[in-house]
Amino acid sequence: MMEWSLKSDKEIETMREGGRLLASVLEALRKETKVGVETMWLDTVSKKLIHEGGAQPAFLGYLPAGGKRPYPFTLCVSVNDCVVHGIPSDYAIRNGDLVKLDLGLKYKGWFVDSAITVGIGVIDARSKRLMETTKTALRLGIEEAQTGRTLGDIGAAVEEAVRHGGFTIVRSLTGHGIGRELHEEPTVLNFGKRGEGRVLKPGTVLAIEPMTAMGSGTVKQFEDDSYRTSDGSLAAHFEHTVAITSEGPMILTSL
């Protein structure tokens, strides 16, 4: 069974500094994400702000597991049925779109990763509920990121919240450990059974990221490495980088 690296208090504080920067960039992007804006512009803004903050883009040139080629941009912009790894383009954002912004950066040698979903203009009640359910699932998953609890506790909390909201987990896409590398052990499933899986220890840092859909939750990987729902249903995604400490979970990617 593969071990994962535990981070010191000092290392976690450095990641917290990077996480604050990432949160500020995502907040700026959220304000820019509106009707008529091309998604490529959001990538341009993200790259500029990351460099101005003294950090480097985490995704640019990164080849994820299962990917066909290194990712060519700074930001993943996934619209509507696209769940993750959406490519910035000349697509102009429209009223009613659900836009997922997934961004990572490297700060003083340490990676942090976060994602939000932005509803554009007037969105219907079910789309609002999908976003709120996914956000709630992330919050409840983070609450389980406690010393002595398990990865299964996190997954179960996320899954229960999504089911309660009437939606489905995209089971084939997961969270992950993070630190000196963008993706580290362990894999953080968005489903599971309470009390099962590896026990959480202080110094563990996880990217917890529920990815949800209105439909079946199955996805297809496209030639550009984006993942879309197989049935074309809308999807949502929220993510934080979280450290497990003796005092409880610490969200590293908040303002």
Protein backbone atom coordinates (compact mmCIF):
# COMPACT_ATOMS: atom_id res chain seq x y z
CA MET A 1 0.00 0.00 0.00
CA MET A 2 1.55 3.27 -1.12
CA GLU A 3 2.19 5.89 1.56
CA TRP A 4 1.65 9.57 0.95
CA SER A 5 3.82 12.45 2.09
CA LEU A 6 2.92 14.41 5.23
CA LYS A 7 3.58 18.13 5.23
CA SER A 8 5.04 20.13 8.13
CA ASP A 9 3.27 23.13 9.65
CA LYS A 10 5.73 25.41 7.85
CA GLU A 11 5.11 23.70 4.52
CA ILE A 12 1.35 23.94 5.01
CA GLU A 13 1.70 27.66 5.75
CA THR A 14 3.56 28.12 2.45
CA MET A 15 0.76 26.27 0.68
CA ARG A 16 -1.72 28.52 2.47
CA GLU A 17 0.05 31.58 1.03
CA GLY A 18 -0.20 30.07 -2.45
CA GLY A 19 -3.81 29.14 -1.77
CA ARG A 20 -4.74 32.72 -0.90
CA LEU A 21 -3.23 33.85 -4.18
CA LEU A 22 -5.16 31.17 -6.06
CA ALA A 23 -8.40 32.17 -4.32
CA SER A 24 -7.87 35.81 -5.30
CA VAL A 25 -7.25 34.85 -8.93
CA LEU A 26 -10.40 32.68 -9.03
CA GLU A 27 -12.43 35.51 -7.51
CA ALA A 28 -11.15 37.89 -10.20
CA LEU A 29 -12.01 35.29 -12.86
CA ARG A 30 -15.48 34.81 -11.41
CA LYS A 31 -16.14 38.53 -11.88
CA GLU A 32 -14.87 38.34 -15.48
CA THR A 33 -17.04 35.34 -16.33
CA LYS A 34 -20.10 36.93 -17.93
CA VAL A 35 -22.18 36.95 -21.10
CA GLY A 36 -20.16 37.65 -24.26
CA VAL A 37 -16.72 36.99 -22.77
CA GLU A 38 -14.63 34.49 -24.73
CA THR A 39 -13.21 31.71 -22.57
CA MET A 40 -9.72 32.33 -24.00
CA TRP A 41 -9.78 35.77 -22.35
CA LEU A 42 -10.25 34.09 -18.96
CA ASP A 43 -7.12 32.04 -19.61
CA THR A 44 -5.18 35.20 -20.48
CA VAL A 45 -6.32 36.87 -17.25
CA SER A 46 -5.47 33.83 -15.12
CA LYS A 47 -1.94 33.54 -16.49
CA LYS A 48 -1.27 37.27 -15.98
CA LEU A 49 -2.52 37.28 -12.38
CA ILE A 50 -0.62 34.13 -11.42
CA HIS A 51 2.65 35.57 -12.71
CA GLU A 52 1.98 38.92 -11.04
CA GLY A 53 1.54 37.04 -7.76
CA GLY A 54 4.97 35.44 -8.07
CA ALA A 55 3.70 31.96 -8.92
CA GLN A 56 3.62 29.66 -11.94
CA PRO A 57 0.64 28.01 -13.67
CA ALA A 58 0.30 24.38 -12.57
CA PHE A 59 -1.65 23.05 -15.55
CA LEU A 60 0.33 24.62 -18.42
CA GLY A 61 2.34 21.82 -20.05
CA TYR A 62 1.11 19.22 -17.54
CA LEU A 63 0.25 15.72 -18.77
CA PRO A 64 -2.39 14.18 -16.49
CA ALA A 65 -2.87 10.44 -16.11
CA GLY A 66 -4.84 9.21 -19.12
CA GLY A 67 -4.15 12.40 -21.06
CA LYS A 68 -3.19 12.28 -24.73
CA ARG A 69 -0.94 15.39 -24.67
CA PRO A 70 0.34 18.05 -22.26
CA TYR A 71 -2.30 20.64 -21.36
CA PRO A 72 -1.69 23.77 -23.48
CA PHE A 73 -3.29 26.44 -21.25
CA THR A 74 -3.28 27.85 -17.71
CA LEU A 75 -6.99 27.51 -16.92
CA CYS A 76 -9.54 24.76 -17.54
CA VAL A 77 -12.87 26.27 -18.65
CA SER A 78 -15.60 23.63 -18.87
CA VAL A 79 -19.02 24.80 -20.06
CA ASN A 80 -22.37 23.06 -19.44
CA ASP A 81 -21.99 19.31 -20.19
CA CYS A 82 -18.19 19.56 -20.09
CA VAL A 83 -17.19 18.39 -16.60
CA VAL A 84 -13.43 19.02 -16.51
CA HIS A 85 -10.39 19.86 -18.68
CA GLY A 86 -12.34 22.14 -21.01
CA ILE A 87 -10.04 24.00 -23.41
CA PRO A 88 -10.18 27.83 -23.55
CA SER A 89 -11.33 28.99 -27.00
CA ASP A 90 -13.20 31.73 -28.86
CA TYR A 91 -16.48 30.43 -27.39
CA ALA A 92 -18.46 33.44 -26.12
CA ILE A 93 -20.21 32.73 -22.82
CA ARG A 94 -24.02 32.76 -23.02
CA ASN A 95 -26.87 33.47 -20.67
CA GLY A 96 -27.78 30.31 -18.73
CA ASP A 97 -24.37 28.64 -19.08
CA LEU A 98 -22.76 26.74 -16.21
CA VAL A 99 -19.05 27.56 -16.42
CA LYS A 100 -16.54 25.52 -14.43
CA LEU A 101 -13.23 27.29 -13.71
CA ASP A 102 -10.50 24.89 -12.54
CA LEU A 103 -7.11 26.41 -11.73
CA GLY A 104 -3.86 25.35 -10.12
CA LEU A 105 -0.61 27.13 -9.39
CA LYS A 106 2.87 26.45 -8.05
CA TYR A 107 4.06 28.80 -5.32
CA LYS A 108 7.53 28.53 -3.76
CA GLY A 109 7.72 24.92 -4.92
CA TRP A 110 4.27 23.88 -3.66
CA PHE A 111 1.11 23.20 -5.67
CA VAL A 112 -2.47 24.20 -4.83
CA ASP A 113 -5.64 23.47 -6.81
CA SER A 114 -9.19 24.84 -6.69
CA ALA A 115 -12.36 25.05 -8.79
CA ILE A 116 -15.67 26.90 -8.87
CA THR A 117 -18.81 26.76 -10.99
CA VAL A 118 -20.32 30.05 -12.17
CA GLY A 119 -23.94 30.34 -13.28
CA ILE A 120 -24.27 32.95 -16.02
CA GLY A 121 -27.15 35.43 -16.04
CA VAL A 122 -30.53 33.79 -15.54
CA ILE A 123 -30.19 30.07 -14.81
CA ASP A 124 -33.04 27.69 -14.09
CA ALA A 125 -33.90 26.36 -10.64
CA ARG A 126 -32.49 22.88 -11.29
CA SER A 127 -29.14 24.32 -12.41
CA LYS A 128 -29.02 26.46 -9.26
CA ARG A 129 -29.77 23.40 -7.16
CA LEU A 130 -27.02 21.41 -8.90
CA MET A 131 -24.48 24.11 -8.06
CA GLU A 132 -25.66 24.48 -4.46
CA THR A 133 -25.73 20.71 -3.94
CA THR A 134 -22.18 20.34 -5.24
CA LYS A 135 -20.97 23.21 -3.05
CA THR A 136 -22.66 21.60 -0.03
CA ALA A 137 -21.09 18.23 -0.87
CA LEU A 138 -17.65 19.87 -0.88
CA ARG A 139 -18.31 21.52 2.49
CA LEU A 140 -19.49 18.27 4.07
CA GLY A 141 -16.56 16.35 2.58
CA ILE A 142 -14.15 18.90 4.05
CA GLU A 143 -15.82 18.54 7.47
CA GLU A 144 -14.83 14.84 7.40
CA ALA A 145 -11.15 15.68 6.73
CA GLN A 146 -10.25 15.11 10.37
CA THR A 147 -7.39 13.28 12.06
CA GLY A 148 -8.43 9.67 12.67
CA ARG A 149 -11.22 9.62 10.12
CA THR A 150 -10.89 7.88 6.77
CA LEU A 151 -10.93 8.56 3.06
CA GLY A 152 -14.19 6.61 3.02
CA ASP A 153 -15.71 9.12 5.43
CA ILE A 154 -14.96 11.95 2.99
CA GLY A 155 -16.33 10.02 0.00
CA ALA A 156 -19.48 8.95 1.84
CA ALA A 157 -20.25 12.51 2.97
CA VAL A 158 -19.88 13.82 -0.58
CA GLU A 159 -21.95 11.04 -2.11
CA GLU A 160 -24.75 11.32 0.46
CA ALA A 161 -25.07 15.07 -0.11
CA VAL A 162 -25.24 14.70 -3.88
CA ARG A 163 -27.81 11.90 -3.71
CA HIS A 164 -29.89 13.90 -1.25
CA GLY A 165 -29.92 16.76 -3.75
CA GLY A 166 -31.22 14.45 -6.48
CA PHE A 167 -28.05 14.40 -8.59
CA THR A 168 -25.25 11.97 -9.41
CA ILE A 169 -21.52 11.77 -8.75
CA VAL A 170 -19.17 11.48 -11.71
CA ARG A 171 -17.51 8.42 -10.20
CA SER A 172 -14.67 8.07 -12.72
CA LEU A 173 -13.17 11.48 -11.82
CA THR A 174 -11.54 11.96 -8.42
CA GLY A 175 -9.71 14.22 -6.04
CA HIS A 176 -6.10 13.63 -5.05
CA GLY A 177 -3.23 14.34 -2.72
CA ILE A 178 -1.21 17.45 -3.53
CA GLY A 179 2.05 19.06 -2.45
CA ARG A 180 5.41 19.05 -4.22
CA GLU A 181 3.52 17.46 -7.13
CA LEU A 182 0.17 18.50 -8.55
CA HIS A 183 -1.20 14.96 -8.23
CA GLU A 184 0.04 12.80 -5.36
CA GLU A 185 -1.27 9.88 -3.35
CA PRO A 186 -3.93 9.26 -2.18
CA THR A 187 -6.80 9.12 -4.66
CA VAL A 188 -9.80 10.86 -3.08
CA LEU A 189 -13.01 9.22 -4.29
CA ASN A 190 -16.29 11.14 -4.21
CA PHE A 191 -18.09 8.05 -2.92
CA GLY A 192 -17.37 5.42 -0.30
CA LYS A 193 -18.35 3.86 3.01
CA ARG A 194 -17.83 5.47 6.37
CA GLY A 195 -14.94 3.98 8.35
CA GLU A 196 -13.38 2.36 5.29
CA GLY A 197 -10.19 3.30 3.46
CA ARG A 198 -6.95 4.82 4.70
CA VAL A 199 -6.88 6.67 8.01
CA LEU A 200 -6.17 10.41 7.81
CA LYS A 201 -3.17 11.85 9.65
CA PRO A 202 -2.09 15.41 10.46
CA GLY A 203 0.00 16.81 7.60
CA THR A 204 -2.09 15.14 4.90
CA VAL A 205 -3.07 17.62 2.18
CA LEU A 206 -5.89 16.74 -0.20
CA ALA A 207 -7.63 18.29 -3.18
CA ILE A 208 -11.27 17.46 -2.48
CA GLU A 209 -13.42 18.03 -5.57
CA PRO A 210 -16.97 16.78 -6.09
CA MET A 211 -17.89 16.58 -9.78
CA THR A 212 -21.60 16.09 -10.34
CA ALA A 213 -24.15 15.75 -13.12
CA MET A 214 -27.89 16.05 -13.64
CA GLY A 215 -27.96 12.79 -15.58
CA SER A 216 -26.26 9.41 -15.30
CA GLY A 217 -22.84 10.67 -14.24
CA THR A 218 -20.97 8.70 -16.90
CA VAL A 219 -18.50 10.68 -18.99
CA LYS A 220 -16.60 10.44 -22.28
CA GLN A 221 -13.05 11.64 -22.86
CA PHE A 222 -12.77 13.64 -26.09
CA GLU A 223 -9.82 14.07 -28.44
CA ASP A 224 -8.85 17.36 -26.75
CA ASP A 225 -8.76 15.52 -23.35
CA SER A 226 -11.92 17.23 -22.08
CA TYR A 227 -14.49 15.09 -20.27
CA ARG A 228 -18.18 15.53 -21.09
CA THR A 229 -21.26 13.81 -19.73
CA SER A 230 -22.23 10.90 -21.97
CA ASP A 231 -25.89 11.97 -22.01
CA GLY A 232 -25.24 15.70 -22.50
CA SER A 233 -26.56 16.61 -19.06
CA LEU A 234 -25.24 19.65 -17.19
CA ALA A 235 -22.37 19.24 -14.74
CA ALA A 236 -20.91 21.15 -11.79
CA HIS A 237 -17.52 21.14 -10.02
CA PHE A 238 -16.20 22.73 -6.83
CA GLU A 239 -12.78 22.10 -5.29
CA HIS A 240 -10.55 23.18 -2.41
CA THR A 241 -7.07 22.17 -1.30
CA VAL A 242 -7.41 21.12 2.35
CA ALA A 243 -4.83 20.32 5.04
CA ILE A 244 -5.63 17.90 7.86
CA THR A 245 -4.31 19.27 11.15
CA SER A 246 -4.61 18.27 14.80
CA GLU A 247 -7.15 21.11 15.16
CA GLY A 248 -9.26 20.00 12.20
CA PRO A 249 -9.44 20.69 8.45
CA MET A 250 -7.75 23.85 7.14
CA ILE A 251 -8.93 25.14 3.76
CA LEU A 252 -5.80 26.39 2.00
CA THR A 253 -7.49 27.85 -1.09
CA SER A 254 -9.80 30.41 0.51
CA LEU A 255 -9.28 34.17 0.76
